Amino acid sequence: MIKYSQDIRVETVENSGNIEGRISKNIVLTPAEMLERASMFNIITLPSGSRIKEHPHVEDAEIYYILEGEAEVTDNDRTAVMRAGDVMFTGNGGCHSIANHSGKDVKFLACILRM
């Protein structure tokens, strides 16, 4: 399968579920396009002041790969600052969150793998 950039759908989510503030999601691949082996493969833009609240990954796992900007993340009991090129993996019942306290957008690749 080849998918061109003009075919990637963009959605905006505001103050819903785990989202506090607003995020933009470039839905790079859908679950169906990944043969249901993953439930998400998106590029997320997290504007300044927005966050994805702490949430668990019990029957799946999520990878955050920072593309641009600086984000504060939690992974279980650890809080850290991540920058472009940094990666975080959360699974096996672990919890994580990501917040943008900087003055610039944060862009990251988010992938949720089915376990």
C-alpha atoms as a PDB file:
ATOM      1  CA  MET A   1       0.000   0.000   0.000  1.00  0.00           C
ATOM      2  CA  ILE A   2       1.125   3.525  -0.804  1.00  0.00           C
ATOM      3  CA  LYS A   3      -0.658   6.499   0.733  1.00  0.00           C
ATOM      4  CA  TYR A   4      -0.008  10.047  -0.390  1.00  0.00           C
ATOM      5  CA  SER A   5       0.062  13.073   1.919  1.00  0.00           C
ATOM      6  CA  GLN A   6      -3.062  14.573   0.324  1.00  0.00           C
ATOM      7  CA  ASP A   7      -4.955  11.423   1.389  1.00  0.00           C
ATOM      8  CA  ILE A   8      -4.083  11.788   5.080  1.00  0.00           C
ATOM      9  CA  ARG A   9      -7.119  13.000   7.011  1.00  0.00           C
ATOM     10  CA  VAL A  10      -6.702  15.660   9.706  1.00  0.00           C
ATOM     11  CA  GLU A  11      -8.970  15.881  12.757  1.00  0.00           C
ATOM     12  CA  THR A  12      -9.078  18.419  15.568  1.00  0.00           C
ATOM     13  CA  VAL A  13     -10.157  17.339  19.065  1.00  0.00           C
ATOM     14  CA  GLU A  14     -10.880  19.855  21.813  1.00  0.00           C
ATOM     15  CA  ASN A  15     -11.539  19.217  25.523  1.00  0.00           C
ATOM     16  CA  SER A  16     -12.746  15.655  25.012  1.00  0.00           C
ATOM     17  CA  GLY A  17     -11.880  12.450  26.863  1.00  0.00           C
ATOM     18  CA  ASN A  18      -8.184  12.569  27.760  1.00  0.00           C
ATOM     19  CA  ILE A  19      -7.641  15.824  25.848  1.00  0.00           C
ATOM     20  CA  GLU A  20      -7.334  19.076  27.774  1.00  0.00           C
ATOM     21  CA  GLY A  21      -7.141  21.960  25.340  1.00  0.00           C
ATOM     22  CA  ARG A  22      -6.884  21.140  21.644  1.00  0.00           C
ATOM     23  CA  ILE A  23      -4.914  18.699  19.512  1.00  0.00           C
ATOM     24  CA  SER A  24      -4.691  18.143  15.788  1.00  0.00           C
ATOM     25  CA  LYS A  25      -4.325  14.552  14.527  1.00  0.00           C
ATOM     26  CA  ASN A  26      -2.919  13.663  11.112  1.00  0.00           C
ATOM     27  CA  ILE A  27      -4.286  10.142  10.745  1.00  0.00           C
ATOM     28  CA  VAL A  28      -1.355   8.688   8.825  1.00  0.00           C
ATOM     29  CA  LEU A  29      -2.707   5.119   8.784  1.00  0.00           C
ATOM     30  CA  THR A  30      -6.066   3.793   9.944  1.00  0.00           C
ATOM     31  CA  PRO A  31      -6.415   0.508  11.847  1.00  0.00           C
ATOM     32  CA  ALA A  32      -7.839  -1.110   8.702  1.00  0.00           C
ATOM     33  CA  GLU A  33      -4.843   0.050   6.645  1.00  0.00           C
ATOM     34  CA  MET A  34      -2.579  -1.597   9.246  1.00  0.00           C
ATOM     35  CA  LEU A  35      -4.556  -4.847   9.052  1.00  0.00           C
ATOM     36  CA  GLU A  36      -5.847  -4.167  12.614  1.00  0.00           C
ATOM     37  CA  ARG A  37      -2.373  -4.832  14.075  1.00  0.00           C
ATOM     38  CA  ALA A  38      -2.331  -1.312  15.532  1.00  0.00           C
ATOM     39  CA  SER A  39      -5.154   0.998  16.534  1.00  0.00           C
ATOM     40  CA  MET A  40      -3.382   4.306  15.928  1.00  0.00           C
ATOM     41  CA  PHE A  41      -0.578   5.723  13.803  1.00  0.00           C
ATOM     42  CA  ASN A  42      -0.992   9.511  13.952  1.00  0.00           C
ATOM     43  CA  ILE A  43       1.095  12.642  13.958  1.00  0.00           C
ATOM     44  CA  ILE A  44      -0.261  14.758  16.805  1.00  0.00           C
ATOM     45  CA  THR A  45       0.187  18.509  17.112  1.00  0.00           C
ATOM     46  CA  LEU A  46      -0.092  19.638  20.720  1.00  0.00           C
ATOM     47  CA  PRO A  47      -0.340  23.449  20.986  1.00  0.00           C
ATOM     48  CA  SER A  48       1.070  25.368  23.935  1.00  0.00           C
ATOM     49  CA  GLY A  49      -1.088  24.904  27.036  1.00  0.00           C
ATOM     50  CA  SER A  50      -2.675  21.653  25.848  1.00  0.00           C
ATOM     51  CA  ARG A  51      -2.173  18.163  27.202  1.00  0.00           C
ATOM     52  CA  ILE A  52      -3.214  14.554  26.941  1.00  0.00           C
ATOM     53  CA  LYS A  53      -4.082  13.536  30.496  1.00  0.00           C
ATOM     54  CA  GLU A  54      -2.664  10.492  32.234  1.00  0.00           C
ATOM     55  CA  HIS A  55      -4.207   7.284  30.950  1.00  0.00           C
ATOM     56  CA  PRO A  56      -3.342   3.561  31.168  1.00  0.00           C
ATOM     57  CA  HIS A  57      -2.356   1.037  28.517  1.00  0.00           C
ATOM     58  CA  VAL A  58      -3.437  -2.375  29.784  1.00  0.00           C
ATOM     59  CA  GLU A  59      -4.234  -4.437  26.687  1.00  0.00           C
ATOM     60  CA  ASP A  60      -2.202  -2.327  24.295  1.00  0.00           C
ATOM     61  CA  ALA A  61       0.973  -0.222  24.273  1.00  0.00           C
ATOM     62  CA  GLU A  62       1.706   3.277  22.991  1.00  0.00           C
ATOM     63  CA  ILE A  63       4.828   4.836  21.552  1.00  0.00           C
ATOM     64  CA  TYR A  64       5.433   8.605  21.504  1.00  0.00           C
ATOM     65  CA  TYR A  65       8.238   9.772  19.196  1.00  0.00           C
ATOM     66  CA  ILE A  66       8.853  13.524  19.434  1.00  0.00           C
ATOM     67  CA  LEU A  67       9.289  15.200  16.046  1.00  0.00           C
ATOM     68  CA  GLU A  68       9.330  18.895  17.032  1.00  0.00           C
ATOM     69  CA  GLY A  69       9.241  20.970  20.193  1.00  0.00           C
ATOM     70  CA  GLU A  70       9.584  20.203  23.875  1.00  0.00           C
ATOM     71  CA  ALA A  71       7.019  18.273  25.951  1.00  0.00           C
ATOM     72  CA  GLU A  72       6.687  17.283  29.586  1.00  0.00           C
ATOM     73  CA  VAL A  73       5.754  13.612  29.845  1.00  0.00           C
ATOM     74  CA  THR A  74       4.987  11.186  32.605  1.00  0.00           C
ATOM     75  CA  ASP A  75       5.625   7.478  32.322  1.00  0.00           C
ATOM     76  CA  ASN A  76       4.272   5.790  35.430  1.00  0.00           C
ATOM     77  CA  ASP A  77       6.001   7.618  38.315  1.00  0.00           C
ATOM     78  CA  ARG A  78       8.666   9.342  36.204  1.00  0.00           C
ATOM     79  CA  THR A  79       8.317  12.892  34.830  1.00  0.00           C
ATOM     80  CA  ALA A  80      10.720  14.081  32.142  1.00  0.00           C
ATOM     81  CA  VAL A  81      11.156  16.606  29.353  1.00  0.00           C
ATOM     82  CA  MET A  82      11.322  15.131  25.869  1.00  0.00           C
ATOM     83  CA  ARG A  83      12.617  16.840  22.724  1.00  0.00           C
ATOM     84  CA  ALA A  84      12.885  15.982  19.021  1.00  0.00           C
ATOM     85  CA  GLY A  85      14.313  12.489  18.594  1.00  0.00           C
ATOM     86  CA  ASP A  86      13.270  11.253  22.057  1.00  0.00           C
ATOM     87  CA  VAL A  87      10.935   8.268  22.388  1.00  0.00           C
ATOM     88  CA  MET A  88       8.702   6.831  25.130  1.00  0.00           C
ATOM     89  CA  PHE A  89       7.061   3.384  25.267  1.00  0.00           C
ATOM     90  CA  THR A  90       4.194   2.689  27.689  1.00  0.00           C
ATOM     91  CA  GLY A  91       2.467  -0.688  28.051  1.00  0.00           C
ATOM     92  CA  ASN A  92       1.825  -3.616  30.407  1.00  0.00           C
ATOM     93  CA  GLY A  93      -0.655  -1.611  32.496  1.00  0.00           C
ATOM     94  CA  GLY A  94       1.538   1.483  32.650  1.00  0.00           C
ATOM     95  CA  CYS A  95       0.167   5.044  32.581  1.00  0.00           C
ATOM     96  CA  HIS A  96       1.453   8.070  30.746  1.00  0.00           C
ATOM     97  CA  SER A  97       0.650  11.669  29.807  1.00  0.00           C
ATOM     98  CA  ILE A  98       2.084  14.473  27.686  1.00  0.00           C
ATOM     99  CA  ALA A  99       1.796  18.239  28.141  1.00  0.00           C
ATOM    100  CA  ASN A 100       3.043  21.285  26.279  1.00  0.00           C
ATOM    101  CA  HIS A 101       4.172  24.066  28.636  1.00  0.00           C
ATOM    102  CA  SER A 102       6.392  25.733  26.028  1.00  0.00           C
ATOM    103  CA  GLY A 103       5.448  28.608  23.744  1.00  0.00           C
ATOM    104  CA  LYS A 104       5.677  26.488  20.571  1.00  0.00           C
ATOM    105  CA  ASP A 105       3.723  23.555  19.157  1.00  0.00           C
ATOM    106  CA  VAL A 106       4.880  20.025  19.923  1.00  0.00           C
ATOM    107  CA  LYS A 107       4.564  17.446  17.140  1.00  0.00           C
ATOM    108  CA  PHE A 108       4.914  13.768  17.852  1.00  0.00           C
ATOM    109  CA  LEU A 109       4.187  10.435  16.246  1.00  0.00           C
ATOM    110  CA  ALA A 110       1.798   8.335  18.347  1.00  0.00           C
ATOM    111  CA  CYS A 111       1.377   4.643  17.648  1.00  0.00           C
ATOM    112  CA  ILE A 112      -0.864   2.314  19.656  1.00  0.00           C
ATOM    113  CA  LEU A 113       0.018  -1.344  19.215  1.00  0.00           C
ATOM    114  CA  ARG A 114      -2.397  -4.156  19.937  1.00  0.00           C
ATOM    115  CA  MET A 115      -1.012  -6.748  22.341  1.00  0.00           C
END
